[in-house]
Amino acid sequence: MKTTLLFSSLFVVVGTGLATAVQAQVCDPSTAPQNLTSTYTAGVGAQLQWDAVPGSIGVQIRIDLPSGSVLNRRIVGFERDQYNVPDGLLSPGTYTVRVQAACSSTPPYSVTPISAPSSFTKGTAGCPATVTDIDGNVYNTVSIGSQCWMKENLATETYNNGDPIPGNLDAATWTSTTSGAQAVHSGVAANKAIYGLLYNWYAVNDARGLCPTGWHVPTDGEWTTLTTGLGGTAVAGGSLKQTGTTAAGTGLWFAPNTGATNSSGFTGLPAGTRNFTGASYAPLSLNCDWWTSTKIGGSSPYYRQVYYNNTTVGRFLLLETYGLSVRCLKD
């Protein structure tokens, strides 16, 4: 609520480079504002820019806040194409912005379609907004309690010392290897950009380092810290899963995607797994499993699982030759 009030104040008074009179051009209500961008600079704030609809007399800005609430701010009176949001008015987290122009100043306002979204993230002092791995992949991050997590699954094909992590292994090689390996789900290259890669546990345990420098694969205890802070394993899955379903065309999870709110900002996606035999993959949209770095004695290592039809975060043991997702945690 505090953030909402700050934004309410902000959008009444802040704005630069704005026209102060209604343009003579005729406004086309069928044209949405184009090329919306939002750029965050630490210590400065966020700059929102877009191509104004010629002849429009104002805008409505929708802002999805890190808290999960939504702010709508209507500003009618003159054409606008940018806003600067001071850093002091931004709480840590990810903001998603959309813009809609108005072609008249009286109801129903003859509004245009809504623009495509643009997002920016503000990190905390101990949690940078992004982190980059040795391959150049850039990951957004999220601060949850006292921890700083990647918001996306790891996708590196290279250990931190520069050695490649073997990939494209056939089923026989995958199941027989006792060293690190990685795979893209079903061998479909496009899945890497969405879901990251699947790693066997030997890659997690490799001394050459799987996560970016200053980050690590979380221990079993660190995962427990996360789920405890989110209300416990019975409900934490809801706040870890991205919202939406494949059936509704609003997300990547199978329906019903029970209890999904993504209120933590963790943005868990249903990346599936590679079977220990290497011959098959658990379907996308069904579940996501993440390795921990913890293996006790001669047992199998621990992992965590979220599933499409409940809010539970499962904690289980699994053979090292399964291929699971990895989320990295800041040291």
C-alpha atoms as a PDB file:
ATOM      1  CA  MET A   1       0.000   0.000   0.000  1.00  0.00           C
ATOM      2  CA  LYS A   2       2.859   2.356   0.735  1.00  0.00           C
ATOM      3  CA  THR A   3       4.271   1.932  -2.756  1.00  0.00           C
ATOM      4  CA  THR A   4       0.847   2.578  -4.314  1.00  0.00           C
ATOM      5  CA  LEU A   5       0.510   5.867  -2.453  1.00  0.00           C
ATOM      6  CA  LEU A   6       3.945   6.972  -3.559  1.00  0.00           C
ATOM      7  CA  PHE A   7       3.126   6.221  -7.163  1.00  0.00           C
ATOM      8  CA  SER A   8      -0.206   8.025  -6.861  1.00  0.00           C
ATOM      9  CA  SER A   9       1.696  11.120  -5.807  1.00  0.00           C
ATOM     10  CA  LEU A  10       4.436  10.589  -8.356  1.00  0.00           C
ATOM     11  CA  PHE A  11       2.303  10.453 -11.452  1.00  0.00           C
ATOM     12  CA  VAL A  12       0.478  13.650 -10.611  1.00  0.00           C
ATOM     13  CA  VAL A  13       3.644  15.735 -10.524  1.00  0.00           C
ATOM     14  CA  VAL A  14       6.432  14.043 -12.476  1.00  0.00           C
ATOM     15  CA  GLY A  15       7.040  14.286 -16.209  1.00  0.00           C
ATOM     16  CA  THR A  16       9.582  15.727 -18.602  1.00  0.00           C
ATOM     17  CA  GLY A  17       9.615  16.720 -22.225  1.00  0.00           C
ATOM     18  CA  LEU A  18       5.827  16.853 -22.433  1.00  0.00           C
ATOM     19  CA  ALA A  19       3.647  18.886 -24.765  1.00  0.00           C
ATOM     20  CA  THR A  20       1.354  21.315 -22.898  1.00  0.00           C
ATOM     21  CA  ALA A  21      -1.475  21.632 -25.363  1.00  0.00           C
ATOM     22  CA  VAL A  22      -3.758  19.354 -27.303  1.00  0.00           C
ATOM     23  CA  GLN A  23      -2.259  18.580 -30.681  1.00  0.00           C
ATOM     24  CA  ALA A  24      -4.062  19.665 -33.816  1.00  0.00           C
ATOM     25  CA  GLN A  25      -3.708  16.198 -35.343  1.00  0.00           C
ATOM     26  CA  VAL A  26      -6.683  13.859 -35.255  1.00  0.00           C
ATOM     27  CA  CYS A  27      -6.114  11.084 -32.713  1.00  0.00           C
ATOM     28  CA  ASP A  28      -6.539   7.526 -34.005  1.00  0.00           C
ATOM     29  CA  PRO A  29      -8.127   5.421 -31.222  1.00  0.00           C
ATOM     30  CA  SER A  30      -7.155   2.205 -33.003  1.00  0.00           C
ATOM     31  CA  THR A  31      -3.416   2.837 -32.581  1.00  0.00           C
ATOM     32  CA  ALA A  32      -1.770   1.726 -29.339  1.00  0.00           C
ATOM     33  CA  PRO A  33       1.302   3.536 -28.023  1.00  0.00           C
ATOM     34  CA  GLN A  34       4.373   1.878 -29.536  1.00  0.00           C
ATOM     35  CA  ASN A  35       7.969   1.161 -28.476  1.00  0.00           C
ATOM     36  CA  LEU A  36       7.408   1.340 -24.726  1.00  0.00           C
ATOM     37  CA  THR A  37      10.685   0.969 -22.830  1.00  0.00           C
ATOM     38  CA  SER A  38      11.497   1.102 -19.126  1.00  0.00           C
ATOM     39  CA  THR A  39      15.077   1.469 -17.976  1.00  0.00           C
ATOM     40  CA  TYR A  40      16.200   1.380 -14.346  1.00  0.00           C
ATOM     41  CA  THR A  41      19.410   3.085 -13.187  1.00  0.00           C
ATOM     42  CA  ALA A  42      20.523   2.580  -9.579  1.00  0.00           C
ATOM     43  CA  GLY A  43      20.496   5.850  -7.652  1.00  0.00           C
ATOM     44  CA  VAL A  44      18.552   7.615 -10.414  1.00  0.00           C
ATOM     45  CA  GLY A  45      15.349   5.678 -10.966  1.00  0.00           C
ATOM     46  CA  ALA A  46      13.339   4.357 -13.894  1.00  0.00           C
ATOM     47  CA  GLN A  47      12.762   6.122 -17.186  1.00  0.00           C
ATOM     48  CA  LEU A  48       9.597   5.174 -19.073  1.00  0.00           C
ATOM     49  CA  GLN A  49       9.364   6.205 -22.725  1.00  0.00           C
ATOM     50  CA  TRP A  50       7.065   5.436 -25.634  1.00  0.00           C
ATOM     51  CA  ASP A  51       5.911   6.853 -28.948  1.00  0.00           C
ATOM     52  CA  ALA A  52       2.924   9.048 -28.171  1.00  0.00           C
ATOM     53  CA  VAL A  53      -0.195   8.609 -30.257  1.00  0.00           C
ATOM     54  CA  PRO A  54      -0.409  11.822 -32.340  1.00  0.00           C
ATOM     55  CA  GLY A  55      -3.302  14.015 -31.264  1.00  0.00           C
ATOM     56  CA  SER A  56      -3.936  12.129 -27.999  1.00  0.00           C
ATOM     57  CA  ILE A  57      -4.740  14.235 -24.955  1.00  0.00           C
ATOM     58  CA  GLY A  58      -3.441  11.978 -22.201  1.00  0.00           C
ATOM     59  CA  VAL A  59      -2.564   8.493 -21.080  1.00  0.00           C
ATOM     60  CA  GLN A  60      -3.482   5.814 -18.637  1.00  0.00           C
ATOM     61  CA  ILE A  61      -0.540   3.919 -17.169  1.00  0.00           C
ATOM     62  CA  ARG A  62      -0.947   0.449 -15.664  1.00  0.00           C
ATOM     63  CA  ILE A  63       1.806  -0.611 -13.273  1.00  0.00           C
ATOM     64  CA  ASP A  64       2.078  -4.131 -11.888  1.00  0.00           C
ATOM     65  CA  LEU A  65       3.886  -3.642  -8.570  1.00  0.00           C
ATOM     66  CA  PRO A  66       6.305  -6.084  -6.894  1.00  0.00           C
ATOM     67  CA  SER A  67       3.705  -6.668  -4.173  1.00  0.00           C
ATOM     68  CA  GLY A  68       1.378  -8.218  -6.752  1.00  0.00           C
ATOM     69  CA  SER A  69      -1.088  -5.312  -6.696  1.00  0.00           C
ATOM     70  CA  VAL A  70      -1.866  -3.144  -9.716  1.00  0.00           C
ATOM     71  CA  LEU A  71      -1.884   0.633  -9.976  1.00  0.00           C
ATOM     72  CA  ASN A  72      -3.829   2.434 -12.715  1.00  0.00           C
ATOM     73  CA  ARG A  73      -3.151   6.163 -13.078  1.00  0.00           C
ATOM     74  CA  ARG A  74      -5.120   8.255 -15.581  1.00  0.00           C
ATOM     75  CA  ILE A  75      -3.688  11.583 -16.703  1.00  0.00           C
ATOM     76  CA  VAL A  76      -5.833  13.579 -19.099  1.00  0.00           C
ATOM     77  CA  GLY A  77      -5.054  17.069 -20.317  1.00  0.00           C
ATOM     78  CA  PHE A  78      -2.159  16.842 -22.746  1.00  0.00           C
ATOM     79  CA  GLU A  79      -0.193  14.381 -24.827  1.00  0.00           C
ATOM     80  CA  ARG A  80       2.579  12.500 -23.010  1.00  0.00           C
ATOM     81  CA  ASP A  81       5.408  10.253 -24.100  1.00  0.00           C
ATOM     82  CA  GLN A  82       7.625   9.700 -21.039  1.00  0.00           C
ATOM     83  CA  TYR A  83       7.931   9.638 -17.245  1.00  0.00           C
ATOM     84  CA  ASN A  84      10.870   9.555 -14.907  1.00  0.00           C
ATOM     85  CA  VAL A  85      10.345   7.642 -11.679  1.00  0.00           C
ATOM     86  CA  PRO A  86      12.773   8.736  -8.902  1.00  0.00           C
ATOM     87  CA  ASP A  87      14.687   5.906  -7.294  1.00  0.00           C
ATOM     88  CA  GLY A  88      13.537   6.915  -3.823  1.00  0.00           C
ATOM     89  CA  LEU A  89       9.929   6.078  -4.725  1.00  0.00           C
ATOM     90  CA  LEU A  90      10.725   2.543  -5.870  1.00  0.00           C
ATOM     91  CA  SER A  91      10.731  -0.482  -3.600  1.00  0.00           C
ATOM     92  CA  PRO A  92      12.948  -3.432  -4.578  1.00  0.00           C
ATOM     93  CA  GLY A  93      11.355  -5.792  -7.071  1.00  0.00           C
ATOM     94  CA  THR A  94      10.099  -6.040 -10.627  1.00  0.00           C
ATOM     95  CA  TYR A  95       7.642  -3.563 -12.167  1.00  0.00           C
ATOM     96  CA  THR A  96       5.705  -4.158 -15.388  1.00  0.00           C
ATOM     97  CA  VAL A  97       4.354  -1.112 -17.210  1.00  0.00           C
ATOM     98  CA  ARG A  98       1.711  -0.718 -19.940  1.00  0.00           C
ATOM     99  CA  VAL A  99       0.381   2.472 -21.527  1.00  0.00           C
ATOM    100  CA  GLN A 100      -2.973   3.370 -23.111  1.00  0.00           C
ATOM    101  CA  ALA A 101      -3.655   6.718 -24.798  1.00  0.00           C
ATOM    102  CA  ALA A 102      -6.871   8.739 -24.671  1.00  0.00           C
ATOM    103  CA  CYS A 103      -8.318  10.560 -27.668  1.00  0.00           C
ATOM    104  CA  SER A 104     -10.942  12.542 -25.709  1.00  0.00           C
ATOM    105  CA  SER A 105     -11.223  14.114 -22.266  1.00  0.00           C
ATOM    106  CA  THR A 106     -14.775  13.013 -21.456  1.00  0.00           C
ATOM    107  CA  PRO A 107     -16.223   9.532 -20.850  1.00  0.00           C
ATOM    108  CA  PRO A 108     -15.855   7.060 -22.462  1.00  0.00           C
ATOM    109  CA  TYR A 109     -12.560   8.767 -23.408  1.00  0.00           C
ATOM    110  CA  SER A 110     -12.159   6.970 -26.785  1.00  0.00           C
ATOM    111  CA  VAL A 111      -9.103   5.099 -25.592  1.00  0.00           C
ATOM    112  CA  THR A 112      -6.582   3.251 -27.723  1.00  0.00           C
ATOM    113  CA  PRO A 113      -5.573  -0.384 -27.239  1.00  0.00           C
ATOM    114  CA  ILE A 114      -3.023  -1.052 -24.491  1.00  0.00           C
ATOM    115  CA  SER A 115       0.644  -1.097 -25.426  1.00  0.00           C
ATOM    116  CA  ALA A 116       2.889  -4.132 -25.213  1.00  0.00           C
ATOM    117  CA  PRO A 117       4.401  -4.438 -21.703  1.00  0.00           C
ATOM    118  CA  SER A 118       7.843  -3.382 -20.563  1.00  0.00           C
ATOM    119  CA  SER A 119       9.488  -4.362 -17.271  1.00  0.00           C
ATOM    120  CA  PHE A 120      12.305  -3.145 -15.056  1.00  0.00           C
ATOM    121  CA  THR A 121      13.750  -4.469 -11.810  1.00  0.00           C
ATOM    122  CA  LYS A 122      15.218  -2.679  -8.820  1.00  0.00           C
ATOM    123  CA  GLY A 123      17.528  -4.776  -6.683  1.00  0.00           C
ATOM    124  CA  THR A 124      18.379  -4.343  -3.028  1.00  0.00           C
ATOM    125  CA  ALA A 125      21.774  -3.355  -1.668  1.00  0.00           C
ATOM    126  CA  GLY A 126      22.702  -7.027  -1.347  1.00  0.00           C
ATOM    127  CA  CYS A 127      20.848  -8.184  -4.443  1.00  0.00           C
ATOM    128  CA  PRO A 128      21.776  -6.705  -7.833  1.00  0.00           C
ATOM    129  CA  ALA A 129      19.027  -6.418 -10.416  1.00  0.00           C
ATOM    130  CA  THR A 130      20.770  -8.879 -12.760  1.00  0.00           C
ATOM    131  CA  VAL A 131      23.645 -11.362 -12.834  1.00  0.00           C
ATOM    132  CA  THR A 132      25.550 -12.621 -15.886  1.00  0.00           C
ATOM    133  CA  ASP A 133      27.055 -16.094 -16.286  1.00  0.00           C
ATOM    134  CA  ILE A 134      30.288 -17.030 -18.068  1.00  0.00           C
ATOM    135  CA  ASP A 135      28.407 -17.584 -21.361  1.00  0.00           C
ATOM    136  CA  GLY A 136      26.937 -14.082 -21.230  1.00  0.00           C
ATOM    137  CA  ASN A 137      23.420 -15.150 -20.273  1.00  0.00           C
ATOM    138  CA  VAL A 138      21.778 -12.414 -18.173  1.00  0.00           C
ATOM    139  CA  TYR A 139      19.392 -13.388 -15.362  1.00  0.00           C
ATOM    140  CA  ASN A 140      16.983 -11.176 -13.456  1.00  0.00           C
ATOM    141  CA  THR A 141      17.099 -11.594  -9.687  1.00  0.00           C
ATOM    142  CA  VAL A 142      14.693 -11.293  -6.781  1.00  0.00           C
ATOM    143  CA  SER A 143      15.192 -10.581  -3.095  1.00  0.00           C
ATOM    144  CA  ILE A 144      13.109 -12.939  -0.933  1.00  0.00           C
ATOM    145  CA  GLY A 145      13.574 -12.457   2.781  1.00  0.00           C
ATOM    146  CA  SER A 146      17.314 -12.340   3.447  1.00  0.00           C
ATOM    147  CA  GLN A 147      18.158 -14.264   0.248  1.00  0.00           C
ATOM    148  CA  CYS A 148      18.918 -13.142  -3.304  1.00  0.00           C
ATOM    149  CA  TRP A 149      17.782 -15.636  -5.976  1.00  0.00           C
ATOM    150  CA  MET A 150      17.908 -15.816  -9.732  1.00  0.00           C
ATOM    151  CA  LYS A 151      14.414 -15.404 -11.188  1.00  0.00           C
ATOM    152  CA  GLU A 152      15.284 -17.728 -14.069  1.00  0.00           C
ATOM    153  CA  ASN A 153      16.726 -21.210 -14.421  1.00  0.00           C
ATOM    154  CA  LEU A 154      20.421 -21.529 -15.162  1.00  0.00           C
ATOM    155  CA  ALA A 155      21.349 -21.905 -18.844  1.00  0.00           C
ATOM    156  CA  THR A 156      25.155 -21.966 -18.920  1.00  0.00           C
ATOM    157  CA  GLU A 157      26.965 -24.555 -21.029  1.00  0.00           C
ATOM    158  CA  THR A 158      30.310 -23.684 -19.447  1.00  0.00           C
ATOM    159  CA  TYR A 159      31.859 -24.141 -16.018  1.00  0.00           C
ATOM    160  CA  ASN A 160      33.285 -21.043 -14.364  1.00  0.00           C
ATOM    161  CA  ASN A 161      36.855 -22.016 -15.270  1.00  0.00           C
ATOM    162  CA  GLY A 162      35.931 -21.997 -18.968  1.00  0.00           C
ATOM    163  CA  ASP A 163      35.595 -25.747 -19.466  1.00  0.00           C
ATOM    164  CA  PRO A 164      32.515 -26.844 -21.447  1.00  0.00           C
ATOM    165  CA  ILE A 165      29.790 -28.850 -19.727  1.00  0.00           C
ATOM    166  CA  PRO A 166      29.154 -31.844 -22.002  1.00  0.00           C
ATOM    167  CA  GLY A 167      25.792 -31.693 -23.784  1.00  0.00           C
ATOM    168  CA  ASN A 168      23.895 -33.380 -26.615  1.00  0.00           C
ATOM    169  CA  LEU A 169      24.525 -36.763 -24.988  1.00  0.00           C
ATOM    170  CA  ASP A 170      22.637 -39.781 -26.250  1.00  0.00           C
ATOM    171  CA  ALA A 171      20.646 -41.859 -23.768  1.00  0.00           C
ATOM    172  CA  ALA A 172      23.358 -44.457 -23.145  1.00  0.00           C
ATOM    173  CA  THR A 173      26.055 -41.835 -22.507  1.00  0.00           C
ATOM    174  CA  TRP A 174      23.752 -39.758 -20.300  1.00  0.00           C
ATOM    175  CA  THR A 175      22.852 -42.601 -17.989  1.00  0.00           C
ATOM    176  CA  SER A 176      26.390 -43.998 -17.715  1.00  0.00           C
ATOM    177  CA  THR A 177      28.307 -40.797 -17.090  1.00  0.00           C
ATOM    178  CA  THR A 178      29.600 -39.979 -13.613  1.00  0.00           C
ATOM    179  CA  SER A 179      30.691 -36.467 -14.532  1.00  0.00           C
ATOM    180  CA  GLY A 180      28.783 -33.276 -15.256  1.00  0.00           C
ATOM    181  CA  ALA A 181      26.351 -33.073 -18.168  1.00  0.00           C
ATOM    182  CA  GLN A 182      23.603 -30.775 -19.420  1.00  0.00           C
ATOM    183  CA  ALA A 183      20.669 -31.062 -21.793  1.00  0.00           C
ATOM    184  CA  VAL A 184      17.973 -28.890 -23.313  1.00  0.00           C
ATOM    185  CA  HIS A 185      14.498 -30.351 -22.816  1.00  0.00           C
ATOM    186  CA  SER A 186      13.624 -32.813 -25.609  1.00  0.00           C
ATOM    187  CA  GLY A 187      16.618 -31.579 -27.595  1.00  0.00           C
ATOM    188  CA  VAL A 188      14.603 -28.550 -28.757  1.00  0.00           C
ATOM    189  CA  ALA A 189      16.960 -25.567 -28.813  1.00  0.00           C
ATOM    190  CA  ALA A 190      14.176 -23.007 -28.268  1.00  0.00           C
ATOM    191  CA  ASN A 191      13.416 -24.502 -24.846  1.00  0.00           C
ATOM    192  CA  LYS A 192      16.729 -23.238 -23.480  1.00  0.00           C
ATOM    193  CA  ALA A 193      15.724 -19.575 -23.718  1.00  0.00           C
ATOM    194  CA  ILE A 194      12.479 -20.221 -21.844  1.00  0.00           C
ATOM    195  CA  TYR A 195      13.301 -22.919 -19.312  1.00  0.00           C
ATOM    196  CA  GLY A 196      17.079 -22.958 -19.051  1.00  0.00           C
ATOM    197  CA  LEU A 197      19.010 -26.244 -19.173  1.00  0.00           C
ATOM    198  CA  LEU A 198      18.683 -29.519 -17.289  1.00  0.00           C
ATOM    199  CA  TYR A 199      21.793 -30.668 -15.406  1.00  0.00           C
ATOM    200  CA  ASN A 200      22.735 -33.934 -13.793  1.00  0.00           C
ATOM    201  CA  TRP A 201      23.870 -33.656 -10.174  1.00  0.00           C
ATOM    202  CA  TYR A 202      27.499 -34.285 -11.088  1.00  0.00           C
ATOM    203  CA  ALA A 203      27.532 -30.855 -12.751  1.00  0.00           C
ATOM    204  CA  VAL A 204      26.088 -29.322  -9.572  1.00  0.00           C
ATOM    205  CA  ASN A 205      28.847 -30.924  -7.507  1.00  0.00           C
ATOM    206  CA  ASP A 206      31.717 -30.080  -9.866  1.00  0.00           C
ATOM    207  CA  ALA A 207      34.503 -28.024  -8.261  1.00  0.00           C
ATOM    208  CA  ARG A 208      34.860 -25.924 -11.424  1.00  0.00           C
ATOM    209  CA  GLY A 209      31.662 -24.097 -10.468  1.00  0.00           C
ATOM    210  CA  LEU A 210      28.257 -24.164 -12.134  1.00  0.00           C
ATOM    211  CA  CYS A 211      26.797 -20.824 -10.988  1.00  0.00           C
ATOM    212  CA  PRO A 212      28.277 -17.384 -11.761  1.00  0.00           C
ATOM    213  CA  THR A 213      31.083 -16.140  -9.534  1.00  0.00           C
ATOM    214  CA  GLY A 214      29.639 -14.981  -6.206  1.00  0.00           C
ATOM    215  CA  TRP A 215      26.666 -17.326  -6.571  1.00  0.00           C
ATOM    216  CA  HIS A 216      26.141 -21.000  -5.758  1.00  0.00           C
ATOM    217  CA  VAL A 217      23.697 -23.886  -6.047  1.00  0.00           C
ATOM    218  CA  PRO A 218      21.664 -23.620  -2.806  1.00  0.00           C
ATOM    219  CA  THR A 219      21.928 -26.233  -0.107  1.00  0.00           C
ATOM    220  CA  ASP A 220      18.990 -28.208   1.208  1.00  0.00           C
ATOM    221  CA  GLY A 221      18.944 -25.901   4.226  1.00  0.00           C
ATOM    222  CA  GLU A 222      18.887 -22.758   2.098  1.00  0.00           C
ATOM    223  CA  TRP A 223      15.887 -24.084   0.184  1.00  0.00           C
ATOM    224  CA  THR A 224      14.204 -24.739   3.541  1.00  0.00           C
ATOM    225  CA  THR A 225      14.878 -21.127   4.538  1.00  0.00           C
ATOM    226  CA  LEU A 226      13.082 -20.032   1.366  1.00  0.00           C
ATOM    227  CA  THR A 227      10.004 -22.227   1.810  1.00  0.00           C
ATOM    228  CA  THR A 228       9.718 -21.502   5.535  1.00  0.00           C
ATOM    229  CA  GLY A 229       9.721 -17.788   4.829  1.00  0.00           C
ATOM    230  CA  LEU A 230       6.904 -18.292   2.328  1.00  0.00           C
ATOM    231  CA  GLY A 231       4.627 -20.006   4.812  1.00  0.00           C
ATOM    232  CA  GLY A 232       5.951 -23.577   4.752  1.00  0.00           C
ATOM    233  CA  THR A 233       6.132 -26.378   2.216  1.00  0.00           C
ATOM    234  CA  ALA A 234       2.345 -26.911   2.109  1.00  0.00           C
ATOM    235  CA  VAL A 235       1.665 -23.496   0.569  1.00  0.00           C
ATOM    236  CA  ALA A 236       4.981 -22.051  -0.669  1.00  0.00           C
ATOM    237  CA  GLY A 237       4.578 -23.568  -4.127  1.00  0.00           C
ATOM    238  CA  GLY A 238       1.806 -21.116  -4.946  1.00  0.00           C
ATOM    239  CA  SER A 239       4.009 -18.101  -4.339  1.00  0.00           C
ATOM    240  CA  LEU A 240       6.898 -19.679  -6.298  1.00  0.00           C
ATOM    241  CA  LYS A 241       4.978 -20.542  -9.481  1.00  0.00           C
ATOM    242  CA  GLN A 242       4.407 -18.194 -12.392  1.00  0.00           C
ATOM    243  CA  THR A 243       0.700 -17.514 -12.890  1.00  0.00           C
ATOM    244  CA  GLY A 244      -1.437 -18.508 -15.898  1.00  0.00           C
ATOM    245  CA  THR A 245      -2.186 -21.730 -17.756  1.00  0.00           C
ATOM    246  CA  THR A 246      -1.695 -23.179 -21.210  1.00  0.00           C
ATOM    247  CA  ALA A 247      -5.431 -23.828 -21.511  1.00  0.00           C
ATOM    248  CA  ALA A 248      -6.273 -20.150 -21.019  1.00  0.00           C
ATOM    249  CA  GLY A 249      -3.348 -18.956 -23.112  1.00  0.00           C
ATOM    250  CA  THR A 250      -2.067 -16.943 -20.145  1.00  0.00           C
ATOM    251  CA  GLY A 251       0.936 -18.985 -19.021  1.00  0.00           C
ATOM    252  CA  LEU A 252       3.063 -22.091 -19.395  1.00  0.00           C
ATOM    253  CA  TRP A 253       1.583 -24.341 -16.686  1.00  0.00           C
ATOM    254  CA  PHE A 254      -1.082 -26.976 -17.205  1.00  0.00           C
ATOM    255  CA  ALA A 255      -4.446 -26.100 -15.677  1.00  0.00           C
ATOM    256  CA  PRO A 256      -5.389 -25.642 -12.932  1.00  0.00           C
ATOM    257  CA  ASN A 257      -1.951 -24.325 -11.822  1.00  0.00           C
ATOM    258  CA  THR A 258      -3.361 -24.535  -8.304  1.00  0.00           C
ATOM    259  CA  GLY A 259      -2.756 -21.556  -6.032  1.00  0.00           C
ATOM    260  CA  ALA A 260      -0.223 -19.872  -8.316  1.00  0.00           C
ATOM    261  CA  THR A 261       0.321 -16.220  -7.376  1.00  0.00           C
ATOM    262  CA  ASN A 262       4.069 -15.703  -7.926  1.00  0.00           C
ATOM    263  CA  SER A 263       3.817 -13.308  -4.988  1.00  0.00           C
ATOM    264  CA  SER A 264       7.459 -14.026  -4.124  1.00  0.00           C
ATOM    265  CA  GLY A 265       8.639 -12.977  -7.590  1.00  0.00           C
ATOM    266  CA  PHE A 266      10.499 -16.296  -7.954  1.00  0.00           C
ATOM    267  CA  THR A 267       8.689 -17.007 -11.262  1.00  0.00           C
ATOM    268  CA  GLY A 268       8.944 -20.794 -11.297  1.00  0.00           C
ATOM    269  CA  LEU A 269       8.352 -22.296 -14.749  1.00  0.00           C
ATOM    270  CA  PRO A 270       7.384 -25.920 -15.556  1.00  0.00           C
ATOM    271  CA  ALA A 271      10.696 -26.995 -17.072  1.00  0.00           C
ATOM    272  CA  GLY A 272      10.260 -30.752 -16.723  1.00  0.00           C
ATOM    273  CA  THR A 273      13.165 -33.185 -16.180  1.00  0.00           C
ATOM    274  CA  ARG A 274      15.331 -35.650 -18.074  1.00  0.00           C
ATOM    275  CA  ASN A 275      14.930 -39.226 -16.884  1.00  0.00           C
ATOM    276  CA  PHE A 276      17.920 -41.006 -15.324  1.00  0.00           C
ATOM    277  CA  THR A 277      18.003 -43.344 -18.341  1.00  0.00           C
ATOM    278  CA  GLY A 278      18.408 -40.349 -20.624  1.00  0.00           C
ATOM    279  CA  ALA A 279      15.756 -41.798 -22.928  1.00  0.00           C
ATOM    280  CA  SER A 280      12.789 -39.599 -21.990  1.00  0.00           C
ATOM    281  CA  TYR A 281      11.734 -36.268 -20.526  1.00  0.00           C
ATOM    282  CA  ALA A 282       8.945 -35.427 -18.097  1.00  0.00           C
ATOM    283  CA  PRO A 283       6.487 -33.198 -20.009  1.00  0.00           C
ATOM    284  CA  LEU A 284       6.830 -29.460 -20.005  1.00  0.00           C
ATOM    285  CA  SER A 285       4.013 -27.584 -18.195  1.00  0.00           C
ATOM    286  CA  LEU A 286       3.663 -30.287 -15.535  1.00  0.00           C
ATOM    287  CA  ASN A 287       6.325 -29.624 -12.904  1.00  0.00           C
ATOM    288  CA  CYS A 288       9.674 -28.033 -12.159  1.00  0.00           C
ATOM    289  CA  ASP A 289      12.407 -29.719 -10.120  1.00  0.00           C
ATOM    290  CA  TRP A 290      15.521 -27.948  -8.804  1.00  0.00           C
ATOM    291  CA  TRP A 291      18.678 -29.558  -7.478  1.00  0.00           C
ATOM    292  CA  THR A 292      20.132 -28.731  -4.093  1.00  0.00           C
ATOM    293  CA  SER A 293      23.864 -29.107  -3.506  1.00  0.00           C
ATOM    294  CA  THR A 294      23.240 -31.380  -0.501  1.00  0.00           C
ATOM    295  CA  LYS A 295      23.999 -35.086  -0.468  1.00  0.00           C
ATOM    296  CA  ILE A 296      24.133 -36.851   2.886  1.00  0.00           C
ATOM    297  CA  GLY A 297      26.479 -39.790   3.190  1.00  0.00           C
ATOM    298  CA  GLY A 298      25.872 -42.459   0.577  1.00  0.00           C
ATOM    299  CA  SER A 299      22.327 -41.303  -0.143  1.00  0.00           C
ATOM    300  CA  SER A 300      21.100 -39.572  -3.272  1.00  0.00           C
ATOM    301  CA  PRO A 301      21.056 -35.738  -3.339  1.00  0.00           C
ATOM    302  CA  TYR A 302      18.026 -33.677  -2.315  1.00  0.00           C
ATOM    303  CA  TYR A 303      15.901 -31.687  -4.727  1.00  0.00           C
ATOM    304  CA  ARG A 304      12.784 -29.491  -4.596  1.00  0.00           C
ATOM    305  CA  GLN A 305       9.661 -29.819  -6.748  1.00  0.00           C
ATOM    306  CA  VAL A 306       6.615 -27.669  -7.530  1.00  0.00           C
ATOM    307  CA  TYR A 307       3.653 -29.154  -9.389  1.00  0.00           C
ATOM    308  CA  TYR A 308       0.767 -27.937 -11.532  1.00  0.00           C
ATOM    309  CA  ASN A 309      -2.119 -29.208  -9.344  1.00  0.00           C
ATOM    310  CA  ASN A 310      -1.094 -28.256  -5.802  1.00  0.00           C
ATOM    311  CA  THR A 311       0.732 -25.613  -3.762  1.00  0.00           C
ATOM    312  CA  THR A 312       3.214 -27.964  -2.126  1.00  0.00           C
ATOM    313  CA  VAL A 313       6.979 -27.724  -2.434  1.00  0.00           C
ATOM    314  CA  GLY A 314       8.176 -31.330  -2.392  1.00  0.00           C
ATOM    315  CA  ARG A 315      11.502 -32.356  -0.860  1.00  0.00           C
ATOM    316  CA  PHE A 316      12.840 -35.648  -2.139  1.00  0.00           C
ATOM    317  CA  LEU A 317      15.977 -37.664  -2.921  1.00  0.00           C
ATOM    318  CA  LEU A 318      16.885 -38.513  -6.508  1.00  0.00           C
ATOM    319  CA  LEU A 319      19.550 -40.363  -8.499  1.00  0.00           C
ATOM    320  CA  GLU A 320      22.434 -38.172  -9.647  1.00  0.00           C
ATOM    321  CA  THR A 321      21.812 -39.056 -13.309  1.00  0.00           C
ATOM    322  CA  TYR A 322      18.450 -37.283 -13.527  1.00  0.00           C
ATOM    323  CA  GLY A 323      18.465 -33.962 -15.346  1.00  0.00           C
ATOM    324  CA  LEU A 324      16.923 -31.148 -13.277  1.00  0.00           C
ATOM    325  CA  SER A 325      16.820 -27.359 -13.361  1.00  0.00           C
ATOM    326  CA  VAL A 326      19.158 -25.203 -11.263  1.00  0.00           C
ATOM    327  CA  ARG A 327      18.465 -21.885  -9.554  1.00  0.00           C
ATOM    328  CA  CYS A 328      21.481 -20.029  -8.193  1.00  0.00           C
ATOM    329  CA  LEU A 329      21.610 -18.166  -4.867  1.00  0.00           C
ATOM    330  CA  LYS A 330      23.888 -15.221  -4.112  1.00  0.00           C
ATOM    331  CA  ASP A 331      26.725 -15.979  -1.682  1.00  0.00           C
END
